[in-house]
Amino acid sequence: MTLDTRLSDLRKDYTRQELNEDQCPNDPMILLVRWLDEAIKANVAEPSAMTLATVSSEGRPAARIVLCKGIEGGKIQFYSNYLSRKGQHLEHNPYAALTFFWPELERQIRIEGSATRLSEEESDAYFSSRPYTSRIGAWASEQSQPLSSKTALVAKASAFAVRFPLQVPRPSHWGGYGLKPDRLEFWQGRPSRLHDRIEYLLQPNQDWCKVRLNP
């Protein structure tokens, strides 16, 4: 099986913007919010989408796309089924990594840190803001578990819709996480692959150290 186009022939030069140290505040979370806001205003596809990488108890990494649902208290928030594969990984090892990539802006943010569950009050508040069908889906889906058929899933969803015709409580196995970063890297594509990379590292005194990296 071959591709119609050779991957080695694909090329793109990055020329839109540059990133200098004087554009980077001492607190990287300020820059994270700024870049996310600019991605939203630029109407990029799925601006809140981020890759979440976790590690299993066997030391095997796994990655998937999740949606950023908030940045509060120095933590990046996302929601999931606690019994899912990602939830099991985070239960065993809270250290994880996130990546935002906005090709339209030629930008990437890499984030590393540890994730903990949000409070039940925070998870309840977000769950109640979801569309009715999404709340029903959280009950119906045994996320990451084998499924006999699509029909079986639809039947389960219908059964829960009958059980919860109006108010849908949050299932105890579903809720939020907050990842507190200790390393962030802001990447701005530049011509000739001489990209701008600014890294922040959290110090023991909780201050951030900022450094430029080789591309």
N, C-alpha and C. Protein backbone atom coordinates (compact mmCIF):
# COMPACT_ATOMS: atom_id res chain seq x y z
N MET A 1 0.85 -1.20 0.00
CA MET A 1 0.00 0.00 0.00
C MET A 1 0.88 1.24 0.00
N THR A 2 0.61 2.15 -0.93
CA THR A 2 1.42 3.36 -1.05
C THR A 2 0.54 4.59 -1.04
N LEU A 3 1.13 5.70 -0.61
CA LEU A 3 0.44 6.99 -0.62
C LEU A 3 0.56 7.61 -2.01
N ASP A 4 -0.41 8.44 -2.36
CA ASP A 4 -0.35 9.15 -3.64
C ASP A 4 0.77 10.19 -3.62
N THR A 5 1.09 10.71 -2.45
CA THR A 5 2.14 11.71 -2.32
C THR A 5 3.20 11.21 -1.36
N ARG A 6 4.45 11.38 -1.69
CA ARG A 6 5.54 10.97 -0.82
C ARG A 6 5.60 11.91 0.38
N LEU A 7 5.55 11.34 1.58
CA LEU A 7 5.59 12.17 2.79
C LEU A 7 6.88 12.98 2.87
N SER A 8 7.98 12.41 2.37
CA SER A 8 9.26 13.12 2.44
C SER A 8 9.30 14.35 1.55
N ASP A 9 8.32 14.46 0.62
CA ASP A 9 8.28 15.62 -0.27
C ASP A 9 7.45 16.78 0.28
N LEU A 10 6.72 16.52 1.38
CA LEU A 10 5.88 17.58 1.94
C LEU A 10 6.75 18.61 2.63
N ARG A 11 6.54 19.87 2.31
CA ARG A 11 7.32 20.97 2.88
C ARG A 11 6.42 22.15 3.19
N LYS A 12 6.72 22.85 4.26
CA LYS A 12 6.04 24.10 4.58
C LYS A 12 7.01 25.01 5.30
N ASP A 13 7.10 26.25 4.85
CA ASP A 13 7.94 27.23 5.53
C ASP A 13 7.04 28.10 6.39
N TYR A 14 7.47 28.35 7.61
CA TYR A 14 6.66 29.10 8.56
C TYR A 14 7.12 30.55 8.60
N THR A 15 6.19 31.46 8.32
CA THR A 15 6.59 32.87 8.15
C THR A 15 5.66 33.86 8.83
N ARG A 16 4.62 33.40 9.51
CA ARG A 16 3.57 34.32 9.97
C ARG A 16 4.04 35.27 11.06
N GLN A 17 4.69 34.74 12.11
CA GLN A 17 5.02 35.57 13.26
C GLN A 17 6.35 35.11 13.86
N GLU A 18 6.80 35.86 14.87
CA GLU A 18 7.97 35.46 15.63
C GLU A 18 7.66 35.59 17.11
N LEU A 19 8.49 34.97 17.94
CA LEU A 19 8.29 35.03 19.38
C LEU A 19 9.61 35.41 20.04
N ASN A 20 9.60 36.57 20.69
CA ASN A 20 10.78 37.06 21.38
C ASN A 20 10.56 37.06 22.89
N GLU A 21 11.65 37.05 23.63
CA GLU A 21 11.56 36.99 25.08
C GLU A 21 10.75 38.14 25.66
N ASP A 22 10.85 39.32 25.05
CA ASP A 22 10.12 40.46 25.62
C ASP A 22 8.61 40.36 25.41
N GLN A 23 8.18 39.40 24.60
CA GLN A 23 6.75 39.14 24.43
C GLN A 23 6.23 38.13 25.45
N CYS A 24 7.12 37.55 26.23
CA CYS A 24 6.77 36.47 27.14
C CYS A 24 6.75 36.98 28.59
N PRO A 25 5.59 37.05 29.22
CA PRO A 25 5.51 37.50 30.61
C PRO A 25 6.21 36.52 31.55
N ASN A 26 6.44 36.95 32.78
CA ASN A 26 7.10 36.07 33.75
C ASN A 26 6.25 34.85 34.08
N ASP A 27 4.93 34.99 34.02
CA ASP A 27 4.02 33.89 34.30
C ASP A 27 3.56 33.27 32.97
N PRO A 28 3.94 32.02 32.69
CA PRO A 28 3.58 31.43 31.39
C PRO A 28 2.07 31.20 31.23
N MET A 29 1.32 31.13 32.33
CA MET A 29 -0.11 30.93 32.21
C MET A 29 -0.78 32.13 31.55
N ILE A 30 -0.19 33.31 31.73
CA ILE A 30 -0.71 34.52 31.07
C ILE A 30 -0.56 34.37 29.56
N LEU A 31 0.60 33.87 29.13
CA LEU A 31 0.84 33.69 27.70
C LEU A 31 -0.03 32.57 27.14
N LEU A 32 -0.24 31.52 27.92
CA LEU A 32 -1.12 30.43 27.50
C LEU A 32 -2.52 30.95 27.23
N VAL A 33 -3.06 31.72 28.15
CA VAL A 33 -4.40 32.28 27.98
C VAL A 33 -4.44 33.21 26.77
N ARG A 34 -3.39 34.01 26.59
CA ARG A 34 -3.33 34.94 25.47
C ARG A 34 -3.34 34.20 24.14
N TRP A 35 -2.51 33.17 24.02
CA TRP A 35 -2.45 32.41 22.77
C TRP A 35 -3.75 31.66 22.51
N LEU A 36 -4.35 31.11 23.55
CA LEU A 36 -5.62 30.41 23.37
C LEU A 36 -6.70 31.39 22.92
N ASP A 37 -6.72 32.57 23.50
CA ASP A 37 -7.69 33.59 23.11
C ASP A 37 -7.47 34.01 21.66
N GLU A 38 -6.21 34.15 21.25
CA GLU A 38 -5.92 34.52 19.87
C GLU A 38 -6.32 33.41 18.90
N ALA A 39 -6.18 32.16 19.31
CA ALA A 39 -6.60 31.04 18.45
C ALA A 39 -8.12 31.05 18.28
N ILE A 40 -8.84 31.34 19.36
CA ILE A 40 -10.30 31.41 19.28
C ILE A 40 -10.72 32.55 18.35
N LYS A 41 -10.11 33.71 18.51
CA LYS A 41 -10.47 34.87 17.69
C LYS A 41 -10.08 34.68 16.23
N ALA A 42 -9.08 33.84 15.98
CA ALA A 42 -8.65 33.57 14.60
C ALA A 42 -9.51 32.51 13.93
N ASN A 43 -10.49 31.98 14.67
CA ASN A 43 -11.40 30.95 14.15
C ASN A 43 -10.66 29.72 13.64
N VAL A 44 -9.61 29.31 14.37
CA VAL A 44 -8.93 28.08 13.98
C VAL A 44 -9.84 26.91 14.28
N ALA A 45 -9.59 25.80 13.63
CA ALA A 45 -10.40 24.60 13.86
C ALA A 45 -10.12 24.04 15.24
N GLU A 46 -11.17 23.87 16.05
CA GLU A 46 -11.07 23.29 17.39
C GLU A 46 -9.94 23.93 18.21
N PRO A 47 -10.05 25.21 18.53
CA PRO A 47 -8.97 25.89 19.27
C PRO A 47 -8.69 25.32 20.64
N SER A 48 -9.70 24.70 21.27
CA SER A 48 -9.51 24.16 22.63
C SER A 48 -9.04 22.71 22.64
N ALA A 49 -8.88 22.11 21.46
CA ALA A 49 -8.43 20.72 21.39
C ALA A 49 -6.97 20.61 21.77
N MET A 50 -6.66 19.61 22.59
CA MET A 50 -5.27 19.40 23.02
C MET A 50 -5.01 17.90 23.13
N THR A 51 -3.80 17.51 22.81
CA THR A 51 -3.39 16.13 22.97
C THR A 51 -3.02 15.90 24.43
N LEU A 52 -3.62 14.87 25.02
CA LEU A 52 -3.29 14.47 26.40
C LEU A 52 -2.52 13.17 26.34
N ALA A 53 -1.31 13.16 26.87
CA ALA A 53 -0.48 11.96 26.93
C ALA A 53 -0.38 11.49 28.37
N THR A 54 -0.64 10.19 28.58
CA THR A 54 -0.55 9.58 29.89
C THR A 54 0.32 8.34 29.80
N VAL A 55 0.61 7.74 30.96
CA VAL A 55 1.46 6.54 30.99
C VAL A 55 0.76 5.47 31.81
N SER A 56 0.72 4.25 31.29
CA SER A 56 0.05 3.14 31.97
C SER A 56 0.92 2.61 33.11
N SER A 57 0.35 1.69 33.87
CA SER A 57 1.10 1.07 34.97
C SER A 57 2.25 0.21 34.44
N GLU A 58 2.19 -0.16 33.15
CA GLU A 58 3.29 -0.92 32.53
C GLU A 58 4.34 0.00 31.91
N GLY A 59 4.15 1.31 32.05
CA GLY A 59 5.11 2.27 31.50
C GLY A 59 4.91 2.57 30.04
N ARG A 60 3.75 2.19 29.48
CA ARG A 60 3.47 2.45 28.06
C ARG A 60 2.72 3.76 27.91
N PRO A 61 3.23 4.69 27.08
CA PRO A 61 2.53 5.96 26.88
C PRO A 61 1.34 5.79 25.95
N ALA A 62 0.34 6.64 26.13
CA ALA A 62 -0.83 6.68 25.26
C ALA A 62 -1.26 8.13 25.13
N ALA A 63 -1.78 8.49 23.96
CA ALA A 63 -2.18 9.87 23.71
C ALA A 63 -3.52 9.90 23.00
N ARG A 64 -4.28 10.96 23.28
CA ARG A 64 -5.57 11.18 22.63
C ARG A 64 -5.91 12.67 22.71
N ILE A 65 -6.90 13.08 21.94
CA ILE A 65 -7.33 14.48 21.95
C ILE A 65 -8.45 14.65 22.97
N VAL A 66 -8.31 15.67 23.82
CA VAL A 66 -9.38 16.08 24.74
C VAL A 66 -9.58 17.58 24.55
N LEU A 67 -10.62 18.12 25.16
CA LEU A 67 -10.91 19.54 25.03
C LEU A 67 -10.61 20.26 26.34
N CYS A 68 -9.91 21.36 26.23
CA CYS A 68 -9.66 22.23 27.38
C CYS A 68 -10.98 22.92 27.74
N LYS A 69 -11.39 22.78 28.99
CA LYS A 69 -12.66 23.36 29.41
C LYS A 69 -12.50 24.46 30.46
N GLY A 70 -11.27 24.88 30.69
CA GLY A 70 -11.05 25.97 31.62
C GLY A 70 -9.60 26.06 32.03
N ILE A 71 -9.20 27.25 32.45
CA ILE A 71 -7.87 27.47 33.04
C ILE A 71 -8.12 28.26 34.31
N GLU A 72 -8.10 27.58 35.43
CA GLU A 72 -8.43 28.18 36.71
C GLU A 72 -7.42 27.77 37.78
N GLY A 73 -7.04 28.72 38.62
CA GLY A 73 -6.15 28.41 39.72
C GLY A 73 -4.82 27.81 39.28
N GLY A 74 -4.33 28.22 38.13
CA GLY A 74 -3.06 27.70 37.63
C GLY A 74 -3.15 26.30 37.08
N LYS A 75 -4.37 25.79 36.85
CA LYS A 75 -4.54 24.44 36.33
C LYS A 75 -5.34 24.47 35.03
N ILE A 76 -5.02 23.53 34.14
CA ILE A 76 -5.71 23.38 32.86
C ILE A 76 -6.73 22.26 33.04
N GLN A 77 -7.99 22.56 32.78
CA GLN A 77 -9.07 21.64 33.12
C GLN A 77 -9.58 20.88 31.90
N PHE A 78 -9.88 19.61 32.13
CA PHE A 78 -10.57 18.78 31.13
C PHE A 78 -11.41 17.76 31.87
N TYR A 79 -12.33 17.12 31.15
CA TYR A 79 -13.29 16.21 31.78
C TYR A 79 -13.28 14.87 31.07
N SER A 80 -13.61 13.81 31.85
CA SER A 80 -13.60 12.47 31.26
C SER A 80 -14.29 11.49 32.21
N ASN A 81 -14.38 10.26 31.74
CA ASN A 81 -14.83 9.14 32.55
C ASN A 81 -13.64 8.66 33.38
N TYR A 82 -13.79 8.65 34.70
CA TYR A 82 -12.69 8.25 35.57
C TYR A 82 -12.27 6.79 35.34
N LEU A 83 -13.18 5.97 34.80
CA LEU A 83 -12.87 4.55 34.57
C LEU A 83 -12.32 4.29 33.17
N SER A 84 -12.18 5.34 32.37
CA SER A 84 -11.64 5.19 31.02
C SER A 84 -10.16 4.84 31.09
N ARG A 85 -9.58 4.58 29.95
CA ARG A 85 -8.15 4.25 29.92
C ARG A 85 -7.31 5.39 30.46
N LYS A 86 -7.63 6.62 30.04
CA LYS A 86 -6.88 7.76 30.53
C LYS A 86 -7.07 7.94 32.03
N GLY A 87 -8.31 7.70 32.51
CA GLY A 87 -8.57 7.82 33.92
C GLY A 87 -7.79 6.81 34.73
N GLN A 88 -7.70 5.58 34.24
CA GLN A 88 -6.92 4.54 34.92
C GLN A 88 -5.44 4.90 34.94
N HIS A 89 -4.95 5.45 33.84
CA HIS A 89 -3.55 5.87 33.79
C HIS A 89 -3.27 6.94 34.84
N LEU A 90 -4.14 7.96 34.89
CA LEU A 90 -3.92 9.07 35.82
C LEU A 90 -4.08 8.62 37.27
N GLU A 91 -4.89 7.60 37.50
CA GLU A 91 -5.02 7.06 38.86
C GLU A 91 -3.71 6.44 39.30
N HIS A 92 -3.03 5.78 38.36
CA HIS A 92 -1.75 5.13 38.67
C HIS A 92 -0.61 6.12 38.68
N ASN A 93 -0.61 7.04 37.72
CA ASN A 93 0.49 7.99 37.57
C ASN A 93 -0.09 9.35 37.19
N PRO A 94 -0.07 10.32 38.09
CA PRO A 94 -0.71 11.61 37.80
C PRO A 94 0.05 12.48 36.82
N TYR A 95 1.30 12.12 36.52
CA TYR A 95 2.08 12.95 35.60
C TYR A 95 1.58 12.75 34.16
N ALA A 96 1.41 13.87 33.47
CA ALA A 96 0.85 13.82 32.12
C ALA A 96 1.39 15.00 31.32
N ALA A 97 1.09 14.98 30.02
CA ALA A 97 1.53 16.06 29.13
C ALA A 97 0.38 16.47 28.22
N LEU A 98 0.34 17.74 27.89
CA LEU A 98 -0.66 18.30 26.99
C LEU A 98 0.04 19.01 25.84
N THR A 99 -0.57 19.00 24.68
CA THR A 99 -0.06 19.76 23.53
C THR A 99 -1.20 20.43 22.80
N PHE A 100 -1.10 21.74 22.66
CA PHE A 100 -1.97 22.49 21.76
C PHE A 100 -1.22 22.69 20.45
N PHE A 101 -1.90 22.53 19.31
CA PHE A 101 -1.28 22.81 18.02
C PHE A 101 -2.29 23.55 17.15
N TRP A 102 -1.90 24.75 16.74
CA TRP A 102 -2.74 25.58 15.88
C TRP A 102 -1.98 25.86 14.59
N PRO A 103 -2.10 24.97 13.58
CA PRO A 103 -1.32 25.15 12.35
C PRO A 103 -1.63 26.44 11.64
N GLU A 104 -2.89 26.92 11.78
CA GLU A 104 -3.24 28.18 11.11
C GLU A 104 -2.40 29.36 11.63
N LEU A 105 -1.97 29.28 12.88
CA LEU A 105 -1.14 30.32 13.49
C LEU A 105 0.32 29.91 13.57
N GLU A 106 0.63 28.69 13.10
CA GLU A 106 1.99 28.16 13.15
C GLU A 106 2.51 28.17 14.58
N ARG A 107 1.66 27.71 15.51
CA ARG A 107 1.99 27.74 16.93
C ARG A 107 1.72 26.40 17.59
N GLN A 108 2.51 26.12 18.62
CA GLN A 108 2.34 24.93 19.42
C GLN A 108 2.70 25.27 20.87
N ILE A 109 1.97 24.67 21.81
CA ILE A 109 2.33 24.79 23.22
C ILE A 109 2.43 23.38 23.79
N ARG A 110 3.57 23.07 24.39
CA ARG A 110 3.78 21.79 25.06
C ARG A 110 3.77 22.02 26.56
N ILE A 111 3.04 21.17 27.28
CA ILE A 111 2.84 21.37 28.71
C ILE A 111 3.06 20.05 29.43
N GLU A 112 3.79 20.08 30.54
CA GLU A 112 3.97 18.90 31.37
C GLU A 112 3.63 19.25 32.81
N GLY A 113 3.09 18.27 33.55
CA GLY A 113 2.75 18.51 34.94
C GLY A 113 2.01 17.33 35.52
N SER A 114 1.30 17.56 36.61
CA SER A 114 0.55 16.49 37.27
C SER A 114 -0.93 16.86 37.31
N ALA A 115 -1.76 15.84 37.15
CA ALA A 115 -3.20 16.05 37.09
C ALA A 115 -3.87 15.46 38.33
N THR A 116 -4.80 16.21 38.88
CA THR A 116 -5.60 15.74 40.00
C THR A 116 -7.07 15.98 39.67
N ARG A 117 -7.94 15.23 40.34
CA ARG A 117 -9.37 15.41 40.11
C ARG A 117 -9.84 16.77 40.63
N LEU A 118 -10.75 17.38 39.91
CA LEU A 118 -11.40 18.58 40.39
C LEU A 118 -12.38 18.21 41.51
N SER A 119 -12.82 19.21 42.24
CA SER A 119 -13.78 18.96 43.31
C SER A 119 -15.10 18.49 42.72
N GLU A 120 -15.90 17.82 43.54
CA GLU A 120 -17.21 17.37 43.09
C GLU A 120 -18.09 18.55 42.70
N GLU A 121 -17.94 19.67 43.40
CA GLU A 121 -18.73 20.87 43.08
C GLU A 121 -18.37 21.39 41.69
N GLU A 122 -17.08 21.41 41.36
CA GLU A 122 -16.66 21.88 40.04
C GLU A 122 -17.15 20.94 38.95
N SER A 123 -17.05 19.64 39.20
CA SER A 123 -17.51 18.66 38.20
C SER A 123 -19.02 18.73 38.04
N ASP A 124 -19.75 18.91 39.14
CA ASP A 124 -21.21 19.04 39.06
C ASP A 124 -21.60 20.26 38.24
N ALA A 125 -20.92 21.37 38.48
CA ALA A 125 -21.26 22.62 37.79
C ALA A 125 -21.05 22.48 36.29
N TYR A 126 -19.92 21.88 35.89
CA TYR A 126 -19.69 21.73 34.45
C TYR A 126 -20.66 20.72 33.84
N PHE A 127 -20.89 19.60 34.54
CA PHE A 127 -21.78 18.58 34.01
C PHE A 127 -23.17 19.14 33.74
N SER A 128 -23.66 19.98 34.65
CA SER A 128 -25.00 20.55 34.49
C SER A 128 -25.08 21.52 33.32
N SER A 129 -23.92 22.02 32.86
CA SER A 129 -23.91 22.95 31.72
C SER A 129 -23.90 22.23 30.38
N ARG A 130 -23.69 20.92 30.38
CA ARG A 130 -23.61 20.16 29.14
C ARG A 130 -25.01 19.96 28.55
N PRO A 131 -25.08 19.77 27.23
CA PRO A 131 -26.39 19.44 26.63
C PRO A 131 -26.96 18.16 27.23
N TYR A 132 -28.27 18.05 27.21
CA TYR A 132 -28.96 16.89 27.78
C TYR A 132 -28.43 15.58 27.20
N THR A 133 -28.28 15.53 25.88
CA THR A 133 -27.84 14.28 25.25
C THR A 133 -26.42 13.90 25.68
N SER A 134 -25.57 14.89 25.90
CA SER A 134 -24.21 14.59 26.36
C SER A 134 -24.21 14.04 27.77
N ARG A 135 -25.11 14.56 28.61
CA ARG A 135 -25.21 14.05 29.98
C ARG A 135 -25.71 12.61 29.98
N ILE A 136 -26.69 12.31 29.11
CA ILE A 136 -27.16 10.94 28.99
C ILE A 136 -26.03 10.03 28.49
N GLY A 137 -25.26 10.53 27.54
CA GLY A 137 -24.16 9.75 26.99
C GLY A 137 -23.13 9.37 28.04
N ALA A 138 -22.91 10.26 29.03
CA ALA A 138 -21.95 9.96 30.09
C ALA A 138 -22.39 8.76 30.92
N TRP A 139 -23.70 8.57 31.05
CA TRP A 139 -24.23 7.40 31.76
C TRP A 139 -24.16 6.15 30.88
N ALA A 140 -24.45 6.31 29.60
CA ALA A 140 -24.56 5.15 28.71
C ALA A 140 -23.23 4.54 28.33
N SER A 141 -22.20 5.35 28.22
CA SER A 141 -20.92 4.87 27.70
C SER A 141 -20.00 4.36 28.81
N GLU A 142 -19.61 3.10 28.72
CA GLU A 142 -18.55 2.55 29.57
C GLU A 142 -17.23 2.79 28.82
N GLN A 143 -16.76 4.00 28.87
CA GLN A 143 -15.69 4.45 27.99
C GLN A 143 -14.47 3.55 28.04
N SER A 144 -13.96 3.24 26.87
CA SER A 144 -12.76 2.42 26.64
C SER A 144 -13.02 0.92 26.80
N GLN A 145 -14.23 0.51 27.20
CA GLN A 145 -14.54 -0.91 27.34
C GLN A 145 -15.09 -1.45 26.01
N PRO A 146 -14.92 -2.75 25.75
CA PRO A 146 -15.47 -3.33 24.51
C PRO A 146 -16.98 -3.14 24.42
N LEU A 147 -17.46 -2.92 23.19
CA LEU A 147 -18.89 -2.68 22.94
C LEU A 147 -19.38 -3.69 21.92
N SER A 148 -20.47 -4.37 22.25
CA SER A 148 -20.97 -5.43 21.37
C SER A 148 -21.47 -4.87 20.05
N SER A 149 -22.14 -3.71 20.08
CA SER A 149 -22.67 -3.12 18.86
C SER A 149 -23.10 -1.68 19.12
N LYS A 150 -23.24 -0.89 18.06
CA LYS A 150 -23.77 0.45 18.19
C LYS A 150 -25.21 0.41 18.71
N THR A 151 -25.93 -0.60 18.29
CA THR A 151 -27.32 -0.73 18.71
C THR A 151 -27.42 -0.87 20.23
N ALA A 152 -26.50 -1.61 20.82
CA ALA A 152 -26.50 -1.80 22.27
C ALA A 152 -26.28 -0.48 22.98
N LEU A 153 -25.38 0.35 22.44
CA LEU A 153 -25.11 1.65 23.05
C LEU A 153 -26.33 2.56 22.96
N VAL A 154 -26.96 2.59 21.80
CA VAL A 154 -28.16 3.42 21.62
C VAL A 154 -29.27 2.96 22.56
N ALA A 155 -29.38 1.65 22.73
CA ALA A 155 -30.40 1.13 23.64
C ALA A 155 -30.14 1.56 25.08
N LYS A 156 -28.88 1.53 25.49
CA LYS A 156 -28.54 1.97 26.84
C LYS A 156 -28.86 3.45 27.02
N ALA A 157 -28.52 4.26 26.01
CA ALA A 157 -28.80 5.69 26.08
C ALA A 157 -30.30 5.93 26.18
N SER A 158 -31.07 5.19 25.44
CA SER A 158 -32.53 5.34 25.48
C SER A 158 -33.07 4.98 26.86
N ALA A 159 -32.50 3.92 27.45
CA ALA A 159 -32.95 3.50 28.78
C ALA A 159 -32.65 4.56 29.82
N PHE A 160 -31.48 5.18 29.73
CA PHE A 160 -31.14 6.23 30.69
C PHE A 160 -31.98 7.49 30.45
N ALA A 161 -32.36 7.75 29.20
CA ALA A 161 -33.24 8.88 28.90
C ALA A 161 -34.61 8.69 29.56
N VAL A 162 -35.07 7.44 29.59
CA VAL A 162 -36.33 7.15 30.28
C VAL A 162 -36.16 7.33 31.79
N ARG A 163 -35.01 6.90 32.29
CA ARG A 163 -34.73 7.01 33.73
C ARG A 163 -34.58 8.46 34.17
N PHE A 164 -33.96 9.27 33.30
CA PHE A 164 -33.73 10.68 33.62
C PHE A 164 -34.38 11.56 32.55
N PRO A 165 -35.69 11.72 32.55
CA PRO A 165 -36.36 12.47 31.48
C PRO A 165 -36.09 13.97 31.52
N LEU A 166 -35.76 14.50 32.69
CA LEU A 166 -35.55 15.95 32.82
C LEU A 166 -34.18 16.25 33.42
N GLN A 167 -34.00 15.93 34.69
CA GLN A 167 -32.75 16.19 35.38
C GLN A 167 -31.83 14.97 35.30
N VAL A 168 -30.59 15.22 34.86
CA VAL A 168 -29.62 14.14 34.74
C VAL A 168 -28.50 14.40 35.73
N PRO A 169 -28.40 13.64 36.81
CA PRO A 169 -27.32 13.84 37.77
C PRO A 169 -25.98 13.38 37.19
N ARG A 170 -24.91 13.93 37.71
CA ARG A 170 -23.59 13.51 37.25
C ARG A 170 -23.27 12.12 37.80
N PRO A 171 -22.88 11.19 36.93
CA PRO A 171 -22.47 9.88 37.44
C PRO A 171 -21.18 10.00 38.24
N SER A 172 -21.06 9.19 39.26
CA SER A 172 -19.89 9.26 40.14
C SER A 172 -18.59 8.92 39.42
N HIS A 173 -18.69 8.20 38.28
CA HIS A 173 -17.49 7.81 37.55
C HIS A 173 -17.07 8.84 36.51
N TRP A 174 -17.69 9.99 36.52
CA TRP A 174 -17.41 11.02 35.50
C TRP A 174 -17.10 12.34 36.19
N GLY A 175 -16.06 13.04 35.72
CA GLY A 175 -15.75 14.33 36.32
C GLY A 175 -14.51 14.97 35.71
N GLY A 176 -14.01 15.98 36.39
CA GLY A 176 -12.94 16.78 35.82
C GLY A 176 -11.57 16.52 36.43
N TYR A 177 -10.58 16.95 35.66
CA TYR A 177 -9.18 16.94 36.10
C TYR A 177 -8.61 18.33 35.92
N GLY A 178 -7.65 18.66 36.74
CA GLY A 178 -6.89 19.89 36.57
C GLY A 178 -5.41 19.55 36.52
N LEU A 179 -4.76 19.89 35.40
CA LEU A 179 -3.33 19.63 35.28
C LEU A 179 -2.56 20.89 35.67
N LYS A 180 -1.72 20.76 36.69
CA LYS A 180 -0.89 21.88 37.14
C LYS A 180 0.48 21.78 36.47
N PRO A 181 0.83 22.71 35.61
CA PRO A 181 2.08 22.59 34.85
C PRO A 181 3.32 22.87 35.71
N ASP A 182 4.40 22.19 35.39
CA ASP A 182 5.72 22.56 35.91
C ASP A 182 6.71 22.82 34.77
N ARG A 183 6.25 22.62 33.53
CA ARG A 183 7.05 22.92 32.35
C ARG A 183 6.12 23.29 31.21
N LEU A 184 6.40 24.41 30.55
CA LEU A 184 5.65 24.81 29.36
C LEU A 184 6.63 25.28 28.30
N GLU A 185 6.34 24.94 27.05
CA GLU A 185 7.15 25.43 25.94
C GLU A 185 6.24 26.04 24.87
N PHE A 186 6.56 27.26 24.50
CA PHE A 186 5.81 27.98 23.46
C PHE A 186 6.65 27.96 22.18
N TRP A 187 6.06 27.42 21.13
CA TRP A 187 6.75 27.22 19.85
C TRP A 187 6.07 28.06 18.78
N GLN A 188 6.86 28.89 18.11
CA GLN A 188 6.37 29.68 16.99
C GLN A 188 7.19 29.30 15.77
N GLY A 189 6.51 28.81 14.72
CA GLY A 189 7.22 28.42 13.52
C GLY A 189 7.90 29.61 12.85
N ARG A 190 9.12 29.37 12.34
CA ARG A 190 9.90 30.42 11.67
C ARG A 190 10.51 29.85 10.39
N PRO A 191 10.94 30.74 9.48
CA PRO A 191 11.52 30.28 8.21
C PRO A 191 12.79 29.44 8.43
N SER A 192 13.07 28.58 7.47
CA SER A 192 14.28 27.76 7.44
C SER A 192 14.40 26.85 8.65
N ARG A 193 13.27 26.53 9.28
CA ARG A 193 13.23 25.67 10.46
C ARG A 193 13.99 26.27 11.66
N LEU A 194 14.21 27.57 11.64
CA LEU A 194 14.85 28.25 12.77
C LEU A 194 13.76 28.76 13.71
N HIS A 195 12.99 27.82 14.25
CA HIS A 195 11.80 28.16 15.02
C HIS A 195 12.15 28.84 16.35
N ASP A 196 11.21 29.63 16.83
CA ASP A 196 11.32 30.24 18.16
C ASP A 196 10.73 29.28 19.18
N ARG A 197 11.53 28.97 20.21
CA ARG A 197 11.08 28.10 21.29
C ARG A 197 11.44 28.74 22.63
N ILE A 198 10.43 29.07 23.41
CA ILE A 198 10.64 29.64 24.74
C ILE A 198 10.08 28.66 25.77
N GLU A 199 10.94 28.22 26.67
CA GLU A 199 10.55 27.24 27.68
C GLU A 199 10.51 27.88 29.06
N TYR A 200 9.49 27.48 29.82
CA TYR A 200 9.36 27.89 31.22
C TYR A 200 9.50 26.65 32.10
N LEU A 201 10.31 26.75 33.15
CA LEU A 201 10.45 25.68 34.13
C LEU A 201 10.11 26.22 35.51
N LEU A 202 9.27 25.49 36.24
CA LEU A 202 8.89 25.91 37.58
C LEU A 202 10.00 25.55 38.56
N GLN A 203 10.43 26.55 39.34
CA GLN A 203 11.51 26.37 40.28
C GLN A 203 10.98 25.96 41.65
N PRO A 204 11.85 25.43 42.54
CA PRO A 204 11.41 25.02 43.87
C PRO A 204 10.72 26.12 44.66
N ASN A 205 11.09 27.38 44.41
CA ASN A 205 10.44 28.51 45.11
C ASN A 205 9.15 28.95 44.43
N GLN A 206 8.70 28.18 43.42
CA GLN A 206 7.46 28.41 42.68
C GLN A 206 7.54 29.57 41.70
N ASP A 207 8.75 30.13 41.50
CA ASP A 207 8.95 31.10 40.42
C ASP A 207 9.23 30.34 39.13
N TRP A 208 9.02 31.02 37.99
CA TRP A 208 9.26 30.42 36.69
C TRP A 208 10.58 30.90 36.13
N CYS A 209 11.37 29.97 35.59
CA CYS A 209 12.60 30.30 34.88
C CYS A 209 12.32 30.20 33.39
N LYS A 210 12.67 31.25 32.65
CA LYS A 210 12.37 31.32 31.22
C LYS A 210 13.68 31.25 30.42
N VAL A 211 13.69 30.40 29.37
CA VAL A 211 14.90 30.22 28.57
C VAL A 211 14.51 29.96 27.12
N ARG A 212 15.35 30.43 26.20
CA ARG A 212 15.17 30.13 24.77
C ARG A 212 15.89 28.82 24.46
N LEU A 213 15.23 27.97 23.66
CA LEU A 213 15.79 26.69 23.27
C LEU A 213 16.21 26.70 21.81
N ASN A 214 17.18 25.88 21.49
CA ASN A 214 17.51 25.66 20.08
C ASN A 214 16.32 25.00 19.38
N PRO A 215 16.13 25.35 18.11
CA PRO A 215 15.02 24.75 17.38
C PRO A 215 15.29 23.29 17.01
